[in-house]
Amino acid sequence: MKKYNKLSIYLLAGSMLLTACSKSFLDEKPLSIYTPDNSLQNASQFQQAINNVYNGVRNVYMGNINLDTYFGLYYATDFAFNATDYSPAAKLNEYKATMVPTYFIPQNIWSAFYKIITNANLIISRASQSSMTDADKNSFLGQALFFRAYSYDLLANLFGGVPLELDELSQPKYDYTRATREDVYQQCKKDLQEAIGMLSDIDKVPDGVVNKQIAQHILSEVLLSLKDYDGAIAAATAVIDYPGVSLMTERFGRRANQPGDVYRDLFEYGNQNYSTGNHEGLLVIQTALNNAASVGDQTAWAVVPSLGGLKITETSSKTKMPVLYNGKFIDSLSSNGIGWIRPTSHFLYEIWSDGDMRNSSYNIVRDIRISGVSASSPDYGKWYVKDGYKDKTLPADFRDTIRNFYPIIRKTSPSAGDFEAVAGPSILTDMTNPFGERF
């Protein structure tokens, strides 16, 4: 009897072991974690998913990923270079040494945009299976298609032919091959044409939301890359002819009654969004407080010179004194710039024709007044460039001419007290921008 009982116990244990090893038992049934199956079902959840896509784009352009990667989309062009690299040249200042697959800046740019594509693919795959209304489905599909096309367009511009992945991935994939550059552009064209049919016009959506006009604008660029010039003209004309958008020709916004010009108005804090009267920006990346941006726009910090370190030899005491008092201009401009992204001489001095508003004193500040010395000093209130102080910079102070002082791109320099910004620059759409921010 005891042997029988022991045998029964062993058989029962074996049966339990077999049950534990059955396939159904091993199937995952997530109850407290998010997966596409349980987190992409309604409009609220899809809104969170598309917000993540917007955040990915913002992180690239606002410096919230590796800063050197962010800078890499500005310098190493005929517009700017990395002013921190005195010797030897690095960080993309010397292409032969750094523009290689193993260098971290190209790698990070590649990864950042493929992450955006991956998240867009997930939305595209799941939207049609959701219980949302047709209007919501079209809205999210249109936005996701736009960002996928935008990312592939940029990757093709930078890298040529790249792998095309258009599906939601459920497992690792290792057999990617490059599509041709033309095939990538053709996919961008297809995505954008589909998105245009789903998206609403710019005056029908909240500020910062992808709209039909920005999709048509990017389509015109893609068609240019495909050498479909008539198609590009038609796509651009559709934007130009839409009555809800126009080039701004009259002063507007918060400083309209102060000295300046309309180009300066485009980039004033509080003026960038469509709802504030700016009908020239087609898509403005939002960097307002509490909108999930972990770090604000890093452009001012990186592009504006490191004026706090700028010094002169004070005439009376013959000692080194700062040019600015607490880093502030007498005319109320201010910045905490560090001069990492320095505009080239080609940009600062060679490309401008007479009367170009973008080169006005309101938009490129080429001289500053001295305020860092005593008000009784003969140097107080003098002009750093006009009155010859810049020419007296000693060779040992070469950094003054590289990082501490150069003409200031005014659109990147916040005014004193202007930090209640509601949006960042029109990075995706500024066709009149003299300092290239659209890539």
Protein backbone atom coordinates (compact mmCIF):
# COMPACT_ATOMS: atom_id res chain seq x y z
CA MET A 1 0.00 0.00 0.00
CA LYS A 2 2.81 2.40 0.82
CA LYS A 3 4.52 1.62 -2.48
CA TYR A 4 1.29 2.30 -4.37
CA ASN A 5 0.86 5.62 -2.63
CA LYS A 6 4.42 6.63 -3.44
CA LEU A 7 3.91 5.68 -7.06
CA SER A 8 0.72 7.75 -7.19
CA ILE A 9 2.60 10.73 -5.80
CA TYR A 10 5.36 10.36 -8.40
CA LEU A 11 2.82 10.09 -11.21
CA LEU A 12 0.97 13.17 -9.93
CA ALA A 13 4.23 15.15 -9.74
CA GLY A 14 5.16 14.06 -13.26
CA SER A 15 1.75 15.10 -14.54
CA MET A 16 2.15 18.52 -12.94
CA LEU A 17 5.62 18.89 -14.49
CA LEU A 18 4.27 18.05 -17.94
CA THR A 19 1.45 20.55 -17.45
CA ALA A 20 3.93 23.22 -16.36
CA CYS A 21 5.96 22.66 -19.51
CA SER A 22 2.98 22.83 -21.86
CA LYS A 23 2.96 25.56 -24.52
CA SER A 24 -0.21 27.23 -23.25
CA PHE A 25 1.31 27.66 -19.82
CA LEU A 26 4.33 29.42 -21.29
CA ASP A 27 2.29 31.85 -23.38
CA GLU A 28 2.74 35.34 -21.98
CA LYS A 29 -0.40 37.09 -20.78
CA PRO A 30 0.76 40.56 -19.75
CA LEU A 31 -1.51 41.91 -17.04
CA SER A 32 0.44 44.87 -15.71
CA ILE A 33 2.78 45.92 -18.54
CA TYR A 34 2.14 47.84 -21.74
CA THR A 35 2.29 46.08 -25.09
CA PRO A 36 0.89 47.20 -28.46
CA ASP A 37 -2.04 44.85 -27.92
CA ASN A 38 -3.25 46.52 -24.73
CA SER A 39 -1.88 50.05 -25.05
CA LEU A 40 -3.03 51.03 -28.56
CA GLN A 41 -6.78 50.65 -28.58
CA ASN A 42 -8.42 54.08 -28.27
CA ALA A 43 -7.76 57.67 -29.36
CA SER A 44 -6.26 58.68 -26.03
CA GLN A 45 -3.67 55.92 -26.24
CA PHE A 46 -2.83 56.71 -29.86
CA GLN A 47 -2.40 60.34 -28.89
CA GLN A 48 0.24 59.31 -26.38
CA ALA A 49 1.95 57.22 -29.04
CA ILE A 50 2.06 60.04 -31.59
CA ASN A 51 3.25 62.43 -28.86
CA ASN A 52 6.25 60.15 -28.47
CA VAL A 53 6.99 60.52 -32.19
CA TYR A 54 6.86 64.31 -31.93
CA ASN A 55 9.14 64.10 -28.92
CA GLY A 56 11.65 62.06 -30.91
CA VAL A 57 11.86 64.78 -33.55
CA ARG A 58 12.10 67.49 -30.92
CA ASN A 59 14.87 65.66 -29.11
CA VAL A 60 16.95 65.59 -32.30
CA TYR A 61 16.66 69.29 -33.06
CA MET A 62 16.53 70.72 -29.56
CA GLY A 63 19.57 68.92 -28.21
CA ASN A 64 17.90 66.42 -25.91
CA ILE A 65 19.87 63.53 -27.35
CA ASN A 66 23.66 63.53 -27.27
CA LEU A 67 24.59 67.18 -27.75
CA ASP A 68 27.39 66.47 -30.20
CA THR A 69 24.87 64.63 -32.35
CA TYR A 70 22.54 67.60 -32.24
CA PHE A 71 25.39 69.93 -33.16
CA GLY A 72 26.30 67.65 -36.04
CA LEU A 73 23.15 68.76 -37.87
CA TYR A 74 24.40 72.35 -37.74
CA TYR A 75 28.15 72.44 -38.08
CA ALA A 76 30.40 70.79 -40.65
CA THR A 77 28.58 72.78 -43.35
CA ASP A 78 29.25 76.05 -45.11
CA PHE A 79 27.07 77.69 -42.44
CA ALA A 80 28.86 76.75 -39.23
CA PHE A 81 31.64 74.77 -37.56
CA ASN A 82 32.45 73.45 -34.10
CA ALA A 83 34.31 76.25 -32.35
CA THR A 84 35.40 74.11 -29.39
CA ASP A 85 37.92 72.19 -31.50
CA TYR A 86 40.96 74.42 -31.56
CA SER A 87 43.48 71.69 -32.40
CA PRO A 88 43.23 69.08 -33.69
CA ALA A 89 40.00 69.39 -35.63
CA ALA A 90 37.33 66.89 -34.60
CA LYS A 91 33.58 66.54 -34.15
CA LEU A 92 32.89 66.68 -37.90
CA ASN A 93 35.19 69.64 -38.59
CA GLU A 94 37.44 67.18 -40.41
CA TYR A 95 35.27 64.92 -42.51
CA LYS A 96 37.95 62.40 -43.48
CA ALA A 97 38.57 61.55 -39.84
CA THR A 98 35.04 61.66 -38.50
CA MET A 99 32.47 61.06 -41.24
CA VAL A 100 32.83 57.29 -41.03
CA PRO A 101 30.33 54.60 -39.98
CA THR A 102 32.02 53.93 -36.66
CA TYR A 103 31.95 57.56 -35.49
CA PHE A 104 29.28 58.22 -32.89
CA ILE A 105 27.68 61.30 -34.48
CA PRO A 106 26.58 59.60 -37.74
CA GLN A 107 25.59 56.55 -35.68
CA ASN A 108 23.40 58.58 -33.31
CA ILE A 109 21.70 60.50 -36.12
CA TRP A 110 20.97 57.19 -37.88
CA SER A 111 19.58 55.62 -34.69
CA ALA A 112 17.47 58.63 -33.71
CA PHE A 113 15.57 58.73 -36.99
CA TYR A 114 15.12 54.96 -37.18
CA LYS A 115 13.55 55.11 -33.71
CA ILE A 116 11.10 57.69 -35.05
CA ILE A 117 10.38 55.41 -38.02
CA THR A 118 9.87 52.40 -35.74
CA ASN A 119 7.36 54.27 -33.58
CA ALA A 120 5.58 55.62 -36.66
CA ASN A 121 5.34 52.11 -38.13
CA LEU A 122 3.70 50.88 -34.94
CA ILE A 123 0.99 53.54 -35.19
CA ILE A 124 0.45 52.87 -38.89
CA SER A 125 0.13 49.14 -38.24
CA ARG A 126 -2.26 49.40 -35.30
CA ALA A 127 -4.51 52.33 -36.19
CA SER A 128 -6.68 50.43 -38.65
CA GLN A 129 -7.26 47.67 -36.06
CA SER A 130 -8.41 50.06 -33.34
CA SER A 131 -11.92 51.02 -32.28
CA MET A 132 -11.35 54.70 -33.06
CA THR A 133 -13.56 56.73 -35.32
CA ASP A 134 -12.52 57.08 -38.95
CA ALA A 135 -11.63 60.72 -38.33
CA ASP A 136 -9.25 59.78 -35.50
CA LYS A 137 -7.75 56.93 -37.52
CA ASN A 138 -7.04 59.26 -40.45
CA SER A 139 -5.54 61.89 -38.18
CA PHE A 140 -3.07 59.55 -36.49
CA LEU A 141 -2.28 57.69 -39.71
CA GLY A 142 -1.60 60.95 -41.53
CA GLN A 143 0.74 62.22 -38.82
CA ALA A 144 2.62 58.91 -38.59
CA LEU A 145 2.99 58.67 -42.37
CA PHE A 146 4.33 62.21 -42.44
CA PHE A 147 6.99 61.52 -39.82
CA ARG A 148 8.03 58.27 -41.47
CA ALA A 149 8.44 60.07 -44.80
CA TYR A 150 10.21 63.01 -43.18
CA SER A 151 12.68 60.71 -41.44
CA TYR A 152 13.41 58.60 -44.51
CA ASP A 153 13.83 61.76 -46.60
CA LEU A 154 16.42 63.08 -44.16
CA LEU A 155 18.22 59.73 -43.96
CA ALA A 156 18.37 59.49 -47.77
CA ASN A 157 19.68 63.05 -47.97
CA LEU A 158 22.44 62.26 -45.47
CA PHE A 159 23.30 58.62 -46.18
CA GLY A 160 22.02 57.85 -49.68
CA GLY A 161 20.19 54.54 -49.99
CA VAL A 162 19.15 53.16 -46.59
CA PRO A 163 17.19 50.07 -45.45
CA LEU A 164 13.44 50.50 -45.86
CA GLU A 165 11.34 49.04 -43.04
CA LEU A 166 7.61 49.69 -43.38
CA ASP A 167 6.18 47.12 -40.97
CA GLU A 168 5.75 46.80 -37.23
CA LEU A 169 8.52 44.59 -35.88
CA SER A 170 7.69 41.86 -33.37
CA GLN A 171 11.15 40.29 -33.24
CA PRO A 172 14.74 41.20 -34.11
CA LYS A 173 15.63 41.30 -37.80
CA TYR A 174 19.19 40.95 -39.07
CA ASP A 175 18.97 40.67 -42.85
CA TYR A 176 18.49 44.31 -43.84
CA THR A 177 19.89 45.54 -47.13
CA ARG A 178 20.02 49.07 -48.45
CA ALA A 179 17.35 50.25 -50.84
CA THR A 180 18.48 52.69 -53.50
CA ARG A 181 18.23 56.37 -52.71
CA GLU A 182 15.56 56.75 -55.40
CA ASP A 183 13.51 53.91 -53.89
CA VAL A 184 13.64 55.66 -50.52
CA TYR A 185 12.45 58.92 -52.07
CA GLN A 186 9.68 57.06 -53.91
CA GLN A 187 8.46 55.63 -50.59
CA CYS A 188 8.54 59.12 -49.08
CA LYS A 189 6.48 60.38 -52.01
CA LYS A 190 3.91 57.60 -51.52
CA ASP A 191 3.65 58.20 -47.76
CA LEU A 192 3.31 61.96 -48.14
CA GLN A 193 0.67 61.72 -50.86
CA GLU A 194 -1.35 59.38 -48.64
CA ALA A 195 -0.85 61.63 -45.61
CA ILE A 196 -1.99 64.73 -47.51
CA GLY A 197 -5.34 63.05 -48.13
CA MET A 198 -5.78 62.41 -44.39
CA LEU A 199 -4.42 65.54 -42.74
CA SER A 200 -6.34 68.70 -41.92
CA ASP A 201 -5.31 72.20 -42.96
CA ILE A 202 -3.02 74.23 -40.74
CA ASP A 203 -5.81 76.52 -39.52
CA LYS A 204 -7.89 73.51 -38.43
CA VAL A 205 -5.36 71.89 -36.06
CA PRO A 206 -3.73 72.98 -32.77
CA ASP A 207 -0.35 74.68 -32.83
CA GLY A 208 2.52 72.31 -33.52
CA VAL A 209 0.41 69.56 -35.08
CA VAL A 210 1.30 68.10 -38.48
CA ASN A 211 -1.00 69.48 -41.15
CA LYS A 212 -1.68 69.22 -44.87
CA GLN A 213 0.50 72.21 -45.78
CA ILE A 214 3.67 70.94 -44.10
CA ALA A 215 3.18 67.58 -45.81
CA GLN A 216 2.82 69.32 -49.19
CA HIS A 217 5.94 71.35 -48.47
CA ILE A 218 8.05 68.27 -47.66
CA LEU A 219 6.55 66.52 -50.70
CA SER A 220 7.84 69.35 -52.88
CA GLU A 221 11.36 68.72 -51.54
CA VAL A 222 11.08 64.97 -52.14
CA LEU A 223 9.89 65.57 -55.72
CA LEU A 224 12.87 67.85 -56.31
CA SER A 225 15.11 64.99 -55.20
CA LEU A 226 13.30 62.76 -57.71
CA LYS A 227 13.80 65.44 -60.39
CA ASP A 228 10.04 65.72 -60.83
CA TYR A 229 10.20 69.48 -61.13
CA ASP A 230 6.65 70.00 -62.37
CA GLY A 231 5.35 67.92 -59.47
CA ALA A 232 7.47 69.90 -57.03
CA ILE A 233 6.10 73.15 -58.39
CA ALA A 234 2.54 71.86 -58.05
CA ALA A 235 3.09 70.73 -54.43
CA ALA A 236 4.72 74.02 -53.44
CA THR A 237 2.04 76.02 -55.25
CA ALA A 238 -0.65 74.21 -53.26
CA VAL A 239 0.95 75.57 -50.09
CA ILE A 240 1.49 79.07 -51.47
CA ASP A 241 -2.10 79.31 -52.74
CA TYR A 242 -3.70 78.13 -49.51
CA PRO A 243 -5.33 81.24 -48.02
CA GLY A 244 -4.47 80.25 -44.46
CA VAL A 245 -0.71 80.72 -44.93
CA SER A 246 1.39 83.59 -46.24
CA LEU A 247 4.76 85.26 -45.91
CA MET A 248 4.58 87.80 -43.11
CA THR A 249 5.10 91.29 -44.51
CA GLU A 250 3.87 93.54 -41.69
CA ARG A 251 5.10 93.90 -38.11
CA PHE A 252 3.16 91.74 -35.66
CA GLY A 253 3.19 90.27 -32.18
CA ARG A 254 4.61 91.27 -28.85
CA ARG A 255 7.22 93.78 -30.07
CA ALA A 256 5.39 95.16 -33.07
CA ASN A 257 5.53 98.70 -31.63
CA GLN A 258 9.25 98.55 -30.82
CA PRO A 259 12.21 99.02 -33.19
CA GLY A 260 12.72 95.98 -35.39
CA ASP A 261 11.43 94.38 -38.57
CA VAL A 262 9.02 91.62 -39.53
CA TYR A 263 11.74 88.99 -39.90
CA ARG A 264 12.78 89.60 -36.32
CA ASP A 265 9.12 89.30 -35.30
CA LEU A 266 8.96 85.76 -36.72
CA PHE A 267 11.33 84.50 -34.02
CA GLU A 268 10.21 86.46 -30.98
CA TYR A 269 9.08 84.29 -28.11
CA GLY A 270 5.33 84.25 -28.16
CA ASN A 271 5.20 84.99 -31.91
CA GLN A 272 6.12 81.65 -33.48
CA ASN A 273 2.81 79.82 -33.42
CA TYR A 274 -0.02 80.07 -35.93
CA SER A 275 -2.47 81.05 -33.20
CA THR A 276 -0.33 84.10 -32.37
CA GLY A 277 -0.56 85.45 -35.92
CA ASN A 278 2.51 83.86 -37.51
CA HIS A 279 1.15 82.43 -40.77
CA GLU A 280 4.59 81.77 -42.26
CA GLY A 281 5.73 78.86 -40.08
CA LEU A 282 4.13 75.63 -41.28
CA LEU A 283 5.10 73.43 -38.33
CA VAL A 284 6.54 74.83 -35.11
CA ILE A 285 8.14 72.44 -32.66
CA GLN A 286 6.66 73.10 -29.25
CA THR A 287 9.00 73.57 -26.29
CA ALA A 288 6.58 75.06 -23.79
CA LEU A 289 6.68 74.27 -20.10
CA ASN A 290 4.93 71.00 -19.17
CA ASN A 291 4.79 69.59 -22.71
CA ALA A 292 7.20 66.72 -22.01
CA ALA A 293 10.40 68.41 -23.18
CA SER A 294 12.98 67.26 -20.67
CA VAL A 295 15.33 70.06 -21.74
CA GLY A 296 14.42 73.25 -23.53
CA ASP A 297 15.79 74.37 -26.86
CA GLN A 298 19.59 74.25 -26.72
CA THR A 299 20.12 76.46 -29.78
CA ALA A 300 20.74 79.73 -27.94
CA TRP A 301 23.19 78.08 -25.58
CA ALA A 302 25.15 76.50 -28.44
CA VAL A 303 25.05 79.15 -31.18
CA VAL A 304 25.39 82.44 -29.29
CA PRO A 305 29.02 83.38 -28.49
CA SER A 306 30.41 82.98 -25.00
CA LEU A 307 30.10 86.67 -24.27
CA GLY A 308 30.61 86.23 -20.55
CA GLY A 309 34.27 85.44 -21.19
CA LEU A 310 34.86 88.42 -23.48
CA LYS A 311 37.29 90.93 -21.95
CA ILE A 312 39.10 94.16 -22.76
CA THR A 313 42.05 95.95 -21.19
CA GLU A 314 40.39 98.79 -19.31
CA THR A 315 41.97 102.10 -20.31
CA SER A 316 42.52 103.59 -16.85
CA SER A 317 43.53 100.57 -14.77
CA LYS A 318 45.17 98.60 -17.60
CA THR A 319 43.55 95.46 -16.17
CA LYS A 320 41.42 92.87 -17.88
CA MET A 321 37.73 93.63 -17.48
CA PRO A 322 34.62 91.93 -18.88
CA VAL A 323 32.93 93.61 -21.80
CA LEU A 324 29.45 92.93 -20.47
CA TYR A 325 28.01 93.41 -17.00
CA ASN A 326 26.71 90.02 -15.84
CA GLY A 327 26.67 88.92 -19.44
CA LYS A 328 24.01 91.47 -20.44
CA PHE A 329 23.97 94.06 -23.19
CA ILE A 330 23.13 97.65 -22.39
CA ASP A 331 20.27 97.36 -24.91
CA SER A 332 18.62 94.59 -22.83
CA LEU A 333 19.69 91.64 -24.96
CA SER A 334 21.10 88.74 -23.03
CA SER A 335 22.33 85.20 -23.42
CA ASN A 336 24.22 82.45 -21.66
CA GLY A 337 25.79 81.22 -24.90
CA ILE A 338 28.95 79.14 -24.97
CA GLY A 339 29.90 79.56 -28.63
CA TRP A 340 30.08 75.91 -29.64
CA ILE A 341 28.34 76.27 -33.01
CA ARG A 342 30.10 79.18 -34.70
CA PRO A 343 28.77 80.55 -37.99
CA THR A 344 31.39 80.56 -40.73
CA SER A 345 32.84 83.72 -42.24
CA HIS A 346 31.08 82.71 -45.46
CA PHE A 347 27.77 82.96 -43.67
CA LEU A 348 28.56 86.03 -41.60
CA TYR A 349 30.22 88.21 -44.22
CA GLU A 350 29.92 86.87 -47.76
CA ILE A 351 26.40 85.79 -48.64
CA TRP A 352 24.42 88.95 -47.97
CA SER A 353 23.29 91.44 -50.59
CA ASP A 354 22.43 95.05 -49.82
CA GLY A 355 19.04 95.51 -48.22
CA ASP A 356 18.57 91.87 -47.17
CA MET A 357 16.34 92.11 -44.11
CA ARG A 358 17.82 88.93 -42.66
CA ASN A 359 21.11 90.80 -42.31
CA SER A 360 19.65 93.86 -40.61
CA SER A 361 21.03 95.00 -37.26
CA TYR A 362 17.90 93.59 -35.67
CA ASN A 363 18.67 90.09 -36.93
CA ILE A 364 22.47 89.86 -36.89
CA VAL A 365 24.04 91.86 -34.07
CA ARG A 366 27.56 92.73 -35.23
CA ASP A 367 28.60 95.04 -32.41
CA ILE A 368 27.94 95.39 -28.68
CA ARG A 369 28.43 98.19 -26.18
CA ILE A 370 30.73 97.82 -23.20
CA SER A 371 29.01 97.69 -19.79
CA GLY A 372 31.32 95.51 -17.68
CA VAL A 373 33.51 98.38 -16.52
CA SER A 374 32.74 101.22 -14.11
CA ALA A 375 30.33 103.84 -15.41
CA SER A 376 33.13 106.37 -14.83
CA SER A 377 35.53 104.47 -17.09
CA PRO A 378 36.33 106.02 -20.47
CA ASP A 379 35.48 102.63 -21.96
CA TYR A 380 31.93 102.49 -20.60
CA GLY A 381 29.31 102.56 -23.35
CA LYS A 382 31.84 102.33 -26.18
CA TRP A 383 31.34 99.91 -29.07
CA TYR A 384 33.47 96.77 -28.96
CA VAL A 385 33.96 96.63 -32.75
CA LYS A 386 33.34 100.18 -33.97
CA ASP A 387 35.63 101.76 -31.39
CA GLY A 388 38.48 99.32 -32.06
CA TYR A 389 38.51 97.12 -28.96
CA LYS A 390 38.13 93.95 -31.00
CA ASP A 391 41.25 94.85 -33.00
CA LYS A 392 43.28 95.09 -29.79
CA THR A 393 42.71 91.45 -28.87
CA LEU A 394 46.06 89.86 -28.04
CA PRO A 395 47.22 86.68 -29.80
CA ALA A 396 47.07 84.88 -26.48
CA ASP A 397 43.38 85.71 -26.38
CA PHE A 398 42.62 83.96 -29.70
CA ARG A 399 39.67 82.26 -28.12
CA ASP A 400 37.93 85.66 -27.99
CA THR A 401 37.75 85.67 -31.77
CA ILE A 402 36.70 82.03 -32.06
CA ARG A 403 34.12 81.51 -29.31
CA ASN A 404 33.72 84.63 -27.19
CA PHE A 405 32.78 87.08 -29.88
CA TYR A 406 31.37 86.91 -33.37
CA PRO A 407 28.20 88.41 -34.88
CA ILE A 408 25.16 87.15 -33.00
CA ILE A 409 22.31 85.50 -34.86
CA ARG A 410 19.56 87.39 -33.11
CA LYS A 411 16.89 84.73 -33.61
CA THR A 412 18.91 82.43 -31.36
CA SER A 413 19.42 84.97 -28.58
CA PRO A 414 16.50 85.30 -26.15
CA SER A 415 15.69 88.79 -24.91
CA ALA A 416 15.97 89.56 -21.20
CA GLY A 417 12.85 88.41 -19.41
CA ASP A 418 11.61 86.47 -22.43
CA PHE A 419 11.82 82.99 -20.98
CA GLU A 420 8.05 82.43 -20.88
CA ALA A 421 8.35 80.99 -24.38
CA VAL A 422 5.45 79.05 -25.78
CA ALA A 423 7.27 77.45 -28.68
CA GLY A 424 10.60 76.84 -30.27
CA PRO A 425 11.81 77.93 -33.70
CA SER A 426 10.08 76.81 -36.89
CA ILE A 427 12.74 74.20 -37.42
CA LEU A 428 10.95 72.13 -40.02
CA THR A 429 9.67 74.88 -42.24
CA ASP A 430 11.68 78.09 -42.13
CA MET A 431 12.36 78.61 -45.83
CA THR A 432 13.66 82.16 -45.25
CA ASN A 433 15.97 81.22 -42.37
CA PRO A 434 19.54 82.40 -42.99
CA PHE A 435 21.01 79.95 -40.51
CA GLY A 436 20.11 76.53 -41.83
CA GLU A 437 17.79 74.67 -39.49
CA ARG A 438 15.94 72.55 -42.03
CA PHE A 439 17.87 69.45 -43.05
